[in-house]
Protein backbone atom coordinates (compact mmCIF):
# COMPACT_ATOMS: atom_id res chain seq x y z
CA MET A 1 0.00 0.00 0.00
CA ASP A 2 2.87 2.37 0.81
CA ILE A 3 4.39 1.80 -2.63
CA MET A 4 1.04 2.42 -4.28
CA ASN A 5 0.54 5.70 -2.40
CA ARG A 6 3.97 6.87 -3.50
CA PHE A 7 3.16 5.98 -7.11
CA LYS A 8 -0.09 7.99 -6.96
CA TYR A 9 1.79 10.97 -5.56
CA VAL A 10 4.33 10.89 -8.40
CA LEU A 11 1.55 10.54 -10.98
CA VAL A 12 -0.32 13.61 -9.63
CA LEU A 13 2.92 15.61 -9.60
CA LEU A 14 3.68 14.74 -13.23
CA CYS A 15 0.16 15.73 -14.33
CA GLY A 16 0.54 19.05 -12.56
CA LEU A 17 3.84 19.71 -14.29
CA TYR A 18 2.30 18.87 -17.67
CA ALA A 19 -0.61 21.24 -17.09
CA SER A 20 1.73 24.04 -16.12
CA CYS A 21 3.54 23.70 -19.48
CA THR A 22 0.40 23.80 -21.64
CA LYS A 23 0.46 26.77 -24.13
CA TYR A 24 -2.60 29.03 -24.04
CA ASP A 25 -3.60 31.71 -26.57
CA THR A 26 -2.38 35.07 -25.29
CA PRO A 27 -3.97 38.42 -26.21
CA GLU A 28 -1.79 40.18 -28.77
CA SER A 29 -1.59 43.34 -26.68
CA ILE A 30 0.04 41.28 -23.88
CA ALA A 31 2.07 38.89 -26.01
CA GLY A 32 3.54 41.79 -27.96
CA GLY A 33 5.03 43.42 -24.89
CA ILE A 34 4.74 46.94 -23.57
CA GLU A 35 5.65 48.65 -26.86
CA ASP A 36 2.90 46.91 -28.82
CA THR A 37 0.39 47.62 -26.07
CA ALA A 38 1.02 51.34 -26.37
CA ALA A 39 0.80 51.21 -30.14
CA SER A 40 -2.52 49.38 -30.06
CA LYS A 41 -4.01 52.17 -27.98
CA LYS A 42 -3.03 54.91 -30.43
CA SER A 43 -5.92 56.34 -32.38
CA VAL A 44 -5.69 57.70 -35.89
CA LYS A 45 -5.85 61.49 -36.16
CA ARG A 46 -7.03 63.29 -39.26
CA TYR A 47 -5.42 66.42 -40.66
CA VAL A 48 -6.03 68.83 -43.53
CA LEU A 49 -3.39 70.90 -45.30
CA TRP A 50 -5.17 73.27 -47.69
CA LEU A 51 -3.06 75.35 -50.07
CA ASN A 52 -4.87 77.93 -52.20
CA ILE A 53 -3.01 79.57 -55.08
CA ASP A 54 -4.71 82.89 -55.76
CA GLY A 55 -4.93 83.54 -59.50
CA ALA A 56 -3.93 80.06 -60.67
CA VAL A 57 -5.84 79.46 -63.91
CA GLY A 58 -7.08 75.88 -63.99
CA SER A 59 -6.31 75.24 -67.66
CA VAL A 60 -2.79 76.67 -67.28
CA VAL A 61 -2.05 74.51 -64.23
CA LYS A 62 -3.40 71.45 -66.07
CA GLN A 63 -1.19 72.18 -69.07
CA GLU A 64 1.95 72.59 -66.97
CA VAL A 65 1.20 69.52 -64.85
CA GLU A 66 0.80 67.40 -67.97
CA LYS A 67 4.05 68.80 -69.40
CA GLY A 68 5.89 67.91 -66.20
CA THR A 69 6.70 71.50 -65.33
CA LEU A 70 4.81 71.14 -62.04
CA LEU A 71 6.26 67.77 -61.12
CA VAL A 72 4.99 67.51 -57.54
CA MET A 73 1.38 68.11 -58.49
CA GLN A 74 1.82 65.66 -61.35
CA LYS A 75 2.94 62.94 -58.92
CA MET A 76 0.11 63.77 -56.51
CA LEU A 77 -2.50 62.93 -59.16
CA GLY A 78 -1.68 59.23 -58.75
CA HIS A 79 -3.36 59.35 -55.34
CA SER A 80 -5.88 62.15 -55.80
CA LYS A 81 -9.44 62.92 -56.71
CA TYR A 82 -8.90 65.90 -58.97
CA VAL A 83 -10.72 68.13 -61.41
CA TRP A 84 -9.49 70.55 -64.08
CA THR A 85 -12.88 71.79 -65.23
CA GLY A 86 -14.24 74.47 -62.95
CA VAL A 87 -16.06 77.77 -62.55
CA ALA A 88 -15.54 80.27 -59.75
CA ASP A 89 -18.43 82.11 -58.10
CA ASP A 90 -20.04 84.36 -60.72
CA HIS A 91 -19.80 87.61 -58.71
CA ALA A 92 -23.47 88.31 -59.41
CA LEU A 93 -23.73 90.69 -56.45
CA LEU A 94 -21.01 93.02 -57.67
CA PRO A 95 -21.19 95.99 -60.06
CA GLU A 96 -19.39 96.06 -63.38
CA GLY A 97 -16.27 97.50 -61.71
CA ARG A 98 -15.72 94.26 -59.83
CA GLU A 99 -12.33 93.57 -61.46
CA SER A 100 -10.85 96.51 -59.52
CA TYR A 101 -9.64 94.24 -56.69
CA ASP A 102 -5.98 94.89 -55.92
CA GLU A 103 -5.35 92.01 -53.50
CA GLU A 104 -7.20 88.75 -52.87
CA ASP A 105 -10.73 88.28 -54.17
CA PRO A 106 -12.81 88.39 -50.94
CA LEU A 107 -15.98 87.11 -52.57
CA THR A 108 -14.49 83.81 -53.75
CA TRP A 109 -12.52 83.39 -50.54
CA ALA A 110 -15.75 83.77 -48.54
CA THR A 111 -17.46 81.26 -50.83
CA MET A 112 -14.68 78.74 -50.26
CA LEU A 113 -14.61 79.18 -46.49
CA THR A 114 -18.39 79.08 -46.00
CA GLY A 115 -19.33 76.50 -48.63
CA MET A 116 -22.10 78.89 -49.70
CA ASN A 117 -22.61 80.90 -52.86
CA SER A 118 -22.14 84.66 -52.67
CA ARG A 119 -25.88 85.32 -52.77
CA MET A 120 -26.12 83.45 -49.47
CA HIS A 121 -23.05 84.72 -47.61
CA ARG A 122 -23.35 88.20 -49.21
CA ILE A 123 -19.68 89.11 -48.68
CA LYS A 124 -18.22 91.16 -51.51
CA ASP A 125 -15.47 93.44 -50.20
CA TYR A 126 -12.42 93.49 -47.93
CA SER A 127 -14.47 94.00 -44.79
CA TYR A 128 -15.49 90.32 -45.06
CA THR A 129 -18.87 91.26 -43.62
CA PRO A 130 -22.21 90.76 -45.39
CA ASP A 131 -24.64 93.55 -46.18
CA PHE A 132 -25.90 94.62 -42.78
CA MET A 133 -29.50 95.20 -43.79
CA ILE A 134 -31.55 94.12 -46.79
CA GLY A 135 -34.96 95.68 -46.62
CA ASP A 136 -36.23 95.08 -43.10
CA ALA A 137 -34.46 91.78 -42.53
CA ALA A 138 -31.13 91.44 -40.74
CA VAL A 139 -28.52 89.51 -42.68
CA THR A 140 -27.42 86.14 -41.36
CA TYR A 141 -23.67 85.66 -40.98
CA ALA A 142 -22.67 82.45 -42.74
CA LYS A 143 -20.53 80.09 -40.68
CA THR A 144 -17.03 79.32 -41.94
CA ILE A 145 -15.17 76.04 -41.66
CA VAL A 146 -13.57 77.51 -38.53
CA GLN A 147 -16.96 77.57 -36.79
CA TYR A 148 -18.05 74.20 -38.16
CA VAL A 149 -14.89 72.47 -36.95
CA SER A 150 -14.81 74.29 -33.60
CA ASP A 151 -18.44 73.41 -32.91
CA LYS A 152 -17.66 69.74 -33.48
CA ASP A 153 -14.32 69.67 -31.65
CA PRO A 154 -13.42 72.78 -29.62
CA ASN A 155 -9.94 71.38 -28.91
CA LEU A 156 -8.96 70.87 -32.55
CA LEU A 157 -6.04 73.17 -33.42
CA MET A 158 -6.16 75.30 -36.57
CA SER A 159 -3.70 77.57 -38.33
CA CYS A 160 -3.73 80.06 -41.20
CA VAL A 161 -0.66 81.42 -42.98
CA SER A 162 -1.50 84.01 -45.62
CA PRO A 163 -0.28 87.34 -47.02
CA TRP A 164 -3.79 88.82 -46.86
CA PRO A 165 -4.44 90.77 -43.61
CA ASN A 166 -8.18 91.09 -44.23
CA LEU A 167 -8.57 87.38 -44.88
CA ASN A 168 -6.57 86.64 -41.74
CA ARG A 169 -8.97 88.70 -39.67
CA TYR A 170 -11.86 86.76 -41.22
CA VAL A 171 -10.42 83.45 -39.93
CA GLY A 172 -9.27 84.99 -36.66
CA GLY A 173 -10.98 82.23 -34.70
CA MET A 174 -8.08 79.92 -35.54
CA GLN A 175 -5.52 79.43 -32.77
CA SER A 176 -2.65 80.57 -35.01
CA VAL A 177 -2.94 83.25 -37.71
CA ILE A 178 0.24 84.52 -39.36
CA THR A 179 0.47 87.24 -42.01
CA SER A 180 3.37 86.37 -44.31
CA SER A 181 5.25 88.77 -46.56
CA SER A 182 6.04 86.36 -49.40
CA ASP A 183 5.37 82.86 -50.69
CA GLU A 184 8.84 81.85 -49.51
CA GLU A 185 7.98 82.91 -45.98
CA THR A 186 4.63 81.13 -46.18
CA LEU A 187 6.38 77.88 -47.10
CA GLU A 188 8.98 78.33 -44.36
CA VAL A 189 6.32 78.88 -41.69
CA LEU A 190 4.30 75.90 -42.93
CA GLN A 191 7.31 73.62 -42.80
CA GLY A 192 8.05 74.68 -39.23
CA GLN A 193 4.46 74.01 -38.18
CA LEU A 194 4.47 70.59 -39.82
CA GLU A 195 7.76 69.65 -38.15
CA LYS A 196 6.82 70.66 -34.61
CA GLY A 197 3.12 71.47 -34.40
CA ASP A 198 -0.11 69.56 -34.18
CA ASN A 199 -2.53 71.80 -36.07
CA GLN A 200 -5.15 69.55 -37.63
CA LEU A 201 -6.34 72.20 -40.08
CA ILE A 202 -3.69 74.28 -41.81
CA LEU A 203 -4.79 76.84 -44.39
CA ALA A 204 -2.27 78.68 -46.56
CA ALA A 205 -2.63 81.29 -49.28
CA PHE A 206 -0.04 82.18 -51.93
CA LYS A 207 0.12 85.55 -53.67
CA GLY A 208 3.06 85.27 -56.07
CA VAL A 209 1.00 83.82 -58.91
CA LEU A 210 -1.61 86.56 -58.54
CA GLU A 211 1.00 89.34 -58.47
CA ALA A 212 2.75 87.96 -61.54
CA GLY A 213 -0.53 87.57 -63.40
CA LYS A 214 -1.58 91.14 -62.67
CA SER A 215 1.64 92.54 -64.11
CA GLY A 216 2.23 90.25 -67.07
CA GLY A 217 -0.91 88.21 -67.69
CA PHE A 218 -2.33 85.00 -66.25
CA VAL A 219 -0.65 82.84 -68.89
CA ALA A 220 2.21 80.35 -69.02
CA GLU A 221 4.02 82.57 -71.53
CA ASN A 222 4.52 85.04 -68.68
CA ALA A 223 7.79 83.74 -67.19
CA SER A 224 7.13 85.34 -63.81
CA TYR A 225 3.71 83.70 -63.64
CA LEU A 226 5.11 80.27 -64.45
CA ASN A 227 8.01 80.67 -62.01
CA ALA A 228 5.57 81.59 -59.23
CA LEU A 229 3.62 78.38 -59.91
CA LYS A 230 6.86 76.38 -59.87
CA LEU A 231 7.84 77.90 -56.53
CA VAL A 232 4.61 76.72 -54.92
CA ASP A 233 4.94 73.29 -56.54
CA THR A 234 8.49 72.80 -55.29
CA GLY A 235 7.52 73.99 -51.82
CA LEU A 236 4.59 71.60 -51.83
CA GLY A 237 7.02 68.75 -52.35
CA ARG A 238 8.97 69.76 -49.25
CA LEU A 239 5.77 69.96 -47.22
CA LEU A 240 4.69 66.47 -48.28
CA ALA A 241 8.11 65.10 -47.34
CA THR A 242 7.82 66.77 -43.94
CA ILE A 243 4.42 65.16 -43.37
CA GLU A 244 5.81 61.73 -44.26
CA ALA A 245 8.68 62.21 -41.80
CA ARG A 246 6.46 63.10 -38.82
CA GLU A 247 7.00 60.89 -35.77
CA ASP A 248 3.47 59.43 -35.77
CA ALA A 249 2.99 59.47 -39.54
CA TYR A 250 1.47 55.96 -39.56
CA TYR A 251 -1.32 57.12 -37.24
CA GLU A 252 -2.06 60.33 -39.16
CA ASP A 253 -4.37 60.65 -42.15
CA TRP A 254 -3.57 63.82 -44.11
CA LEU A 255 -5.86 65.24 -46.76
CA VAL A 256 -3.94 67.75 -48.87
CA CYS A 257 -6.07 70.15 -50.92
CA VAL A 258 -4.54 72.29 -53.66
CA THR A 259 -6.98 74.79 -55.16
CA SER A 260 -7.41 78.14 -56.84
CA ASN A 261 -10.23 80.51 -56.00
CA HIS A 262 -10.19 82.33 -59.37
CA GLY A 263 -8.18 82.68 -62.56
CA GLY A 264 -7.35 85.71 -64.66
CA THR A 265 -7.11 87.06 -68.20
CA PRO A 266 -4.08 87.23 -70.51
CA ASP A 267 -4.04 91.02 -70.04
CA GLY A 268 -3.89 90.83 -66.25
CA ARG A 269 -7.50 91.22 -65.08
CA TYR A 270 -9.25 89.12 -62.44
CA GLY A 271 -12.39 89.14 -60.31
CA GLY A 272 -14.87 89.25 -63.19
CA ASN A 273 -17.15 86.88 -65.06
CA THR A 274 -15.14 85.97 -68.15
CA ASP A 275 -14.17 82.35 -68.73
CA PRO A 276 -10.44 82.75 -67.88
CA GLU A 277 -11.29 84.74 -64.72
CA ARG A 278 -13.53 81.91 -63.48
CA ASP A 279 -11.22 79.06 -64.57
CA ILE A 280 -10.26 77.08 -61.44
CA PHE A 281 -9.10 73.58 -60.44
CA GLY A 282 -8.96 71.31 -57.41
CA ILE A 283 -6.69 68.49 -56.24
CA PHE A 284 -7.67 66.40 -53.19
CA TYR A 285 -4.71 64.20 -52.29
CA TYR A 286 -4.58 61.34 -49.81
CA PRO A 287 -1.68 58.85 -50.08
CA HIS A 288 -4.06 55.86 -50.11
CA TYR A 289 -6.52 57.16 -52.69
CA THR A 290 -6.71 55.61 -56.12
CA SER A 291 -6.47 58.18 -58.88
CA TYR A 292 -9.68 59.60 -60.30
CA GLU A 293 -10.16 62.60 -62.56
CA MET A 294 -13.59 64.09 -62.04
CA LYS A 295 -14.72 64.98 -65.55
CA GLY A 296 -17.17 67.68 -64.61
CA GLU A 297 -19.31 69.60 -67.04
CA VAL A 298 -19.86 73.35 -67.30
CA VAL A 299 -23.15 74.31 -68.94
CA TRP A 300 -24.96 77.44 -70.05
CA ALA A 301 -28.15 78.58 -68.39
CA ALA A 302 -30.48 81.55 -68.76
CA TYR A 303 -31.44 83.88 -65.94
CA PHE A 304 -35.18 84.43 -65.46
CA SER A 305 -36.96 87.02 -63.32
CA LYS A 306 -39.86 89.44 -63.51
CA GLU A 307 -37.95 91.52 -66.05
CA ASN A 308 -36.01 88.72 -67.74
CA TRP A 309 -38.50 86.39 -69.38
CA ALA A 310 -39.33 84.62 -72.60
CA ALA A 311 -42.54 83.53 -74.35
CA VAL A 312 -43.84 81.20 -77.04
CA GLU A 313 -46.89 82.48 -78.89
CA ASP A 314 -49.55 79.77 -79.01
CA SER A 315 -52.55 81.13 -80.89
CA THR A 316 -53.59 77.62 -81.99
CA ALA A 317 -53.57 76.29 -78.40
CA LEU A 318 -50.95 73.71 -79.30
CA TYR A 319 -49.87 73.57 -75.66
CA GLY A 320 -53.32 73.51 -74.09
CA ILE A 321 -54.60 70.61 -71.97
CA GLY A 322 -57.99 69.04 -72.67
CA PRO A 323 -60.07 65.87 -72.32
CA ASN A 324 -58.58 64.52 -75.53
CA ARG A 325 -55.10 65.93 -75.12
CA GLU A 326 -52.31 64.77 -72.84
CA LEU A 327 -49.55 67.19 -71.90
CA ALA A 328 -46.42 66.94 -69.79
CA VAL A 329 -43.81 69.58 -68.99
CA GLU A 330 -40.20 69.02 -68.00
CA ILE A 331 -37.74 71.67 -66.80
CA ASN A 332 -34.12 71.60 -65.66
CA MET A 333 -33.64 74.54 -63.33
CA ARG A 334 -31.75 75.91 -60.35
CA ASN A 335 -33.19 78.22 -57.73
CA ILE A 336 -31.63 81.54 -56.69
CA PRO A 337 -31.72 82.74 -53.07
CA THR A 338 -33.87 85.73 -52.25
CA ASP A 339 -32.52 88.92 -50.69
CA LYS A 340 -33.44 87.36 -47.35
CA GLN A 341 -30.86 84.60 -47.90
CA SER A 342 -33.53 81.97 -48.44
CA TYR A 343 -34.49 79.62 -51.24
CA HIS A 344 -38.14 79.97 -50.25
CA GLY A 345 -40.28 81.99 -52.63
CA ASN A 346 -43.31 84.23 -52.47
CA ASN A 347 -46.91 83.12 -52.97
CA TRP A 348 -47.92 81.87 -56.44
CA ASP A 349 -44.96 82.95 -58.53
CA ARG A 350 -44.96 81.01 -61.79
CA PHE A 351 -41.86 79.35 -63.21
CA VAL A 352 -43.38 78.25 -66.49
CA GLY A 353 -46.89 77.92 -67.88
CA LYS A 354 -49.84 79.42 -69.71
CA GLY A 355 -53.04 81.15 -68.71
CA LYS A 356 -54.77 77.89 -67.73
CA TRP A 357 -51.91 75.80 -66.36
CA GLY A 358 -48.51 76.33 -64.77
CA LEU A 359 -45.76 75.40 -62.34
CA PHE A 360 -45.72 77.80 -59.41
CA ARG A 361 -43.53 78.64 -56.45
CA GLN A 362 -45.31 78.90 -53.11
CA ARG A 363 -42.72 79.47 -50.41
CA GLU A 364 -40.77 76.19 -50.15
CA LYS A 365 -43.23 74.29 -52.38
CA VAL A 366 -43.61 73.76 -56.10
CA LYS A 367 -47.23 73.56 -57.21
CA ILE A 368 -48.96 72.49 -60.36
CA TYR A 369 -52.23 74.20 -61.11
CA ILE A 370 -54.49 73.21 -63.99
CA SER A 371 -57.74 75.07 -64.57
CA GLY A 372 -61.01 73.57 -65.76
CA GLY A 373 -63.69 71.58 -64.01
CA ASN A 374 -62.33 70.10 -60.78
CA ALA A 375 -59.18 72.25 -60.95
CA LEU A 376 -56.02 70.35 -60.05
CA GLU A 377 -53.73 71.87 -57.40
CA LYS A 378 -50.92 69.72 -55.97
CA GLU A 379 -47.57 70.49 -54.36
CA ILE A 380 -44.23 69.05 -53.24
CA ASN A 381 -41.11 70.41 -51.54
CA ALA A 382 -38.58 71.21 -54.24
CA PHE A 383 -35.83 73.59 -55.40
CA ASN A 384 -34.70 74.52 -51.89
CA ASP A 385 -30.95 74.50 -52.50
CA ALA A 386 -28.30 75.72 -54.92
CA ARG A 387 -28.19 72.60 -57.10
CA TRP A 388 -29.66 71.81 -60.46
CA HIS A 389 -32.82 69.71 -60.42
CA SER A 390 -35.14 68.12 -62.93
CA PHE A 391 -38.91 68.49 -62.53
CA TYR A 392 -41.54 66.63 -64.55
CA THR A 393 -45.33 66.82 -64.31
CA GLY A 394 -48.31 66.10 -66.54
CA LEU A 395 -51.78 64.71 -67.14
CA GLY A 396 -52.28 61.31 -68.71
CA PRO A 397 -55.01 59.93 -71.02
CA LEU A 398 -58.69 60.03 -70.11
CA SER A 399 -60.21 56.83 -68.75
CA SER A 400 -63.58 55.85 -67.28
CA GLY A 401 -62.42 56.88 -63.81
CA GLY A 402 -60.73 60.14 -64.78
CA ARG A 403 -57.05 60.57 -65.62
CA MET A 404 -53.73 60.19 -63.85
CA TYR A 405 -51.38 63.02 -62.95
CA ILE A 406 -47.75 62.81 -61.90
CA MET A 407 -45.14 64.98 -60.20
CA SER A 408 -41.57 63.69 -60.46
CA TYR A 409 -38.51 65.36 -58.92
CA ASP A 410 -35.00 64.30 -59.95
CA GLY A 411 -36.46 61.15 -61.46
CA GLN A 412 -38.27 60.11 -58.29
CA ARG A 413 -42.05 59.84 -58.45
CA MET A 414 -43.36 62.13 -55.71
CA LEU A 415 -47.09 62.17 -56.50
CA TYR A 416 -49.10 59.87 -58.74
CA ASP A 417 -52.86 59.76 -58.44
CA GLU A 418 -56.17 60.09 -60.24
CA THR A 419 -57.94 63.39 -60.92
CA GLN A 420 -61.21 64.44 -62.52
CA ASN A 421 -59.54 67.54 -63.98
CA MET A 422 -60.00 67.90 -67.74
CA GLY A 423 -57.95 71.07 -68.34
CA VAL A 424 -58.80 73.79 -70.86
CA GLU A 425 -58.03 72.61 -74.37
CA ASP A 426 -58.53 75.91 -76.19
CA ASP A 427 -56.02 77.82 -74.04
CA SER A 428 -54.42 80.05 -76.68
CA THR A 429 -52.42 82.22 -74.27
CA ALA A 430 -48.64 82.41 -74.65
CA LEU A 431 -46.37 79.91 -72.94
CA GLU A 432 -44.10 81.92 -70.64
CA VAL A 433 -40.92 81.21 -68.69
CA GLY A 434 -40.29 83.73 -65.92
CA HIS A 435 -42.12 87.09 -65.83
CA THR A 436 -43.02 86.75 -62.12
CA GLY A 437 -41.44 87.58 -58.77
CA ILE A 438 -39.13 84.58 -58.54
CA ASN A 439 -35.57 84.53 -59.87
CA PHE A 440 -34.09 81.29 -61.19
CA TYR A 441 -31.85 79.71 -63.81
CA ALA A 442 -33.15 77.31 -66.44
CA GLY A 443 -31.17 75.07 -68.75
CA SER A 444 -33.96 73.60 -70.83
CA VAL A 445 -37.73 73.22 -71.08
CA ARG A 446 -39.46 70.30 -72.81
CA LEU A 447 -43.14 69.65 -73.56
CA TRP A 448 -44.58 66.24 -74.44
CA ASP A 449 -47.88 65.08 -75.89
CA THR A 450 -47.75 61.86 -73.87
CA PHE A 451 -47.43 60.61 -70.33
CA LEU A 452 -43.84 59.36 -69.99
CA LYS A 453 -43.02 56.16 -68.14
CA ASP A 454 -40.82 56.32 -65.05
CA GLU A 455 -37.89 54.76 -66.88
CA ASP A 456 -38.08 57.44 -69.57
CA ILE A 457 -38.26 60.23 -66.99
CA ASN A 458 -35.20 58.80 -65.23
CA GLU A 459 -33.28 58.56 -68.48
CA TYR A 460 -34.13 62.01 -69.82
CA MET A 461 -33.79 64.06 -66.61
CA ASP A 462 -30.02 64.52 -67.00
CA TYR A 463 -30.17 65.65 -70.63
CA TRP A 464 -29.87 69.33 -71.43
CA VAL A 465 -30.81 68.43 -75.01
CA LEU A 466 -32.68 65.21 -75.78
CA PRO A 467 -30.61 62.88 -78.01
CA GLU A 468 -31.90 62.24 -81.50
CA GLY A 469 -32.20 58.53 -80.79
CA ALA A 470 -34.33 58.88 -77.65
CA ALA A 471 -37.20 56.38 -77.77
CA GLN A 472 -39.92 58.95 -76.98
CA ARG A 473 -38.56 61.76 -79.13
CA GLY A 474 -41.52 61.44 -81.49
CA HIS A 475 -43.78 62.64 -78.66
CA LEU A 476 -41.74 65.78 -78.07
CA ILE A 477 -43.70 68.89 -79.11
CA GLY A 478 -41.42 71.54 -77.69
CA GLU A 479 -37.78 71.76 -76.60
CA TRP A 480 -35.85 74.94 -75.89
CA HIS A 481 -32.22 74.87 -74.77
CA PHE A 482 -31.03 78.11 -73.16
CA SER A 483 -27.54 78.93 -74.37
CA PRO A 484 -25.93 81.81 -76.31
CA ASP A 485 -24.90 79.18 -78.85
CA GLU A 486 -28.60 78.60 -79.59
CA LEU A 487 -29.58 82.28 -79.72
CA LYS A 488 -30.78 83.70 -83.05
CA SER A 489 -31.37 87.36 -83.88
CA ASP A 490 -30.36 88.37 -80.33
CA SER A 491 -33.61 87.15 -78.77
CA ILE A 492 -34.86 83.87 -80.29
CA ILE A 493 -34.28 80.38 -78.88
CA PRO A 494 -35.29 77.99 -81.68
CA ASN A 495 -37.59 75.08 -80.95
CA LYS A 496 -35.58 71.90 -81.45
CA VAL A 497 -38.75 70.16 -82.66
CA LYS A 498 -39.11 70.90 -86.34
CA GLY A 499 -42.18 72.92 -87.26
CA MET A 500 -42.95 73.93 -83.67
CA PRO A 501 -42.88 77.55 -82.43
CA ASP A 502 -39.73 79.27 -81.16
CA MET A 503 -39.27 81.04 -77.83
CA VAL A 504 -38.54 84.79 -77.78
CA PHE A 505 -36.89 86.73 -74.96
CA ARG A 506 -38.68 90.00 -74.24
CA GLU A 507 -35.48 91.63 -72.93
CA LYS A 508 -31.84 90.98 -73.74
CA PRO A 509 -31.20 87.47 -72.39
CA VAL A 510 -28.67 86.92 -69.62
CA PHE A 511 -26.65 83.70 -69.88
CA VAL A 512 -24.34 82.32 -67.19
CA LYS A 513 -21.93 79.38 -67.23
CA MET A 514 -22.51 77.02 -64.33
CA ALA A 515 -21.42 73.64 -63.03
CA ASN A 516 -23.76 70.82 -63.96
CA THR A 517 -25.00 69.43 -60.64
CA LEU A 518 -27.97 67.46 -61.91
CA PRO A 519 -28.48 64.19 -59.97
CA GLY A 520 -26.78 62.04 -62.58
CA LYS A 521 -23.62 64.13 -62.43
CA ARG A 522 -23.53 64.15 -58.64
CA SER A 523 -23.99 60.40 -58.38
CA SER A 524 -21.38 59.71 -61.07
CA GLY A 525 -18.68 61.56 -59.14
CA ASP A 526 -17.90 63.67 -62.19
CA LEU A 527 -18.20 67.12 -60.68
CA ALA A 528 -16.94 70.44 -61.96
CA MET A 529 -14.84 72.43 -59.52
CA GLU A 530 -16.64 75.20 -57.64
CA ASN A 531 -15.57 77.42 -54.75
CA ILE A 532 -18.35 75.88 -52.66
CA LEU A 533 -16.87 72.37 -52.93
CA ILE A 534 -13.91 72.80 -50.59
CA ALA A 535 -15.60 73.42 -47.24
CA PRO A 536 -17.71 70.22 -47.33
CA GLN A 537 -14.60 68.08 -47.95
CA VAL A 538 -12.65 69.74 -45.11
CA ILE A 539 -15.57 69.40 -42.69
CA TYR A 540 -16.10 65.77 -43.68
CA TRP A 541 -12.44 64.90 -43.24
CA LEU A 542 -12.10 66.46 -39.80
CA CYS A 543 -15.60 66.01 -38.38
CA GLY A 544 -17.28 63.17 -40.28
CA ALA A 545 -19.99 62.97 -42.91
CA ASP A 546 -22.77 63.78 -40.45
CA ALA A 547 -21.23 67.19 -39.79
CA VAL A 548 -21.71 68.31 -43.41
CA GLY A 549 -24.99 70.13 -43.04
CA ASP A 550 -27.75 70.66 -45.57
CA GLU A 551 -27.26 74.41 -45.28
CA LEU A 552 -24.06 74.15 -47.31
CA ASP A 553 -24.40 74.80 -51.02
CA GLY A 554 -21.45 72.54 -51.75
CA HIS A 555 -21.64 68.77 -52.18
CA CYS A 556 -19.50 66.33 -50.16
CA PHE A 557 -18.02 63.86 -52.65
CA LEU A 558 -15.07 62.46 -50.70
CA SER A 559 -17.39 60.45 -48.47
CA SER A 560 -18.05 58.26 -51.52
CA TYR A 561 -14.45 57.04 -51.25
CA MET A 562 -14.61 56.17 -47.56
CA MET A 563 -13.55 52.56 -48.17
CA GLU A 564 -10.20 53.74 -49.50
CA GLU A 565 -9.49 55.23 -46.07
CA GLN A 566 -9.65 51.75 -44.47
CA TRP A 567 -6.22 50.61 -45.67
CA ARG A 568 -5.04 49.77 -42.14
CA ASP A 569 -7.75 47.10 -41.90
CA GLN A 570 -6.63 45.30 -45.03
């Protein structure tokens, strides 16, 4: 028995030793030691370096990048979302002497920093303050990216380095604001901040290109202009190298924006509405982005108001609506803010229509009204921002129960129901666009003699001019495209449907080039560059997509590439 007890004791001891040597899975944070534990607790911080080159003409920069003259920007394109086609804010608030700026263009700077068009922020001079009073209503001060970012994260550090004292006062809410004397000094200060600081938003402005353009033309043939661009490009390379060499570079996500707020003419003018003065570009660089050139589109549009309007004479009631006549109207248009900084309209201002039917603005609503027995009056919320939209409405064929009507907005069916309305078939009044108290832009108007299917509405809504091969083109009874290229005899917009009546402007037409922001363009990612586009990207990068509010006129497109930011998880 004693021997057996000893054997049991040895057996238990051996089992205990075996158990103590068994290997268990260990959490990585512990198995990796103290250094790995600290690393695992580090969170990724996001930063923005935004360099704006005042007076850099987009087409000139594109040309020199493609030639290899601006080598750093050329290399950046491999990891950028970038766009060469662009239009600066149209300076609609300013008088004809607007090109008399002698320093930075405050209007386009304010548009960039607020993400709102000038009609909303209403800043137009070096005071960087909006009109104090418009009628009886106090003007609302538009928030800048400084306020948006501070509201989201009061501890986030921001810096501005610029040669423009007035601009620097405008962004005075940043923790560091430095007025530089030259582009060389701007680059030196930036490099020092990147080496030692922790500013998560760094804004810099460069004046050398603007100064050279003013004296010798905003063209590559001006050696001083080209050298000023090369100076910024070379300095940009040093800044990128400094970012890569930062101690915690792996845990930092840097978005680098390179933009221009306006261009200039070959004879040295800037701040106006000519094509070269509004020619801008944008590069949005992140080392882990795939390359994508946004092939935006700039389109013509006509301005309509009480005084600026056009009409189609219709003595034969071709465009009337009756029991035996279907009719649908389609318009591509963009709203204009009122003097009260609102997209809401007055009461019963008509966009387009005749004496017995029309599309009307009623505050924030768009209404259709069709006269006749059981008059039809329906409304939806629409046109309450600065983007282009497509609107389609009409009455279908008569049936035993009445007839169907539709209201479609950006290709989405908003209302579709039955009505007993028959319309007024012998309505021989003129078809008018504008001529009421609402101001807006229109790109095209189309009239149909049939009720389009949803798939046709969705296909046609992004067309400024309907293609010849469109399946329903045979049902088109009126199409007018508003562009100076279409204009005949200084006032006539021809009907693109052969044999149908033309449209005539009653006053000299006003045409403006604008970025195409119809839904199809926005969803495709092919945007034209606008001053309003920068603020939404900066706010998104630093504060998240939810922080980009609906009050901004600009569109946040970088959020579409969010998956490319997840490279650490791959």
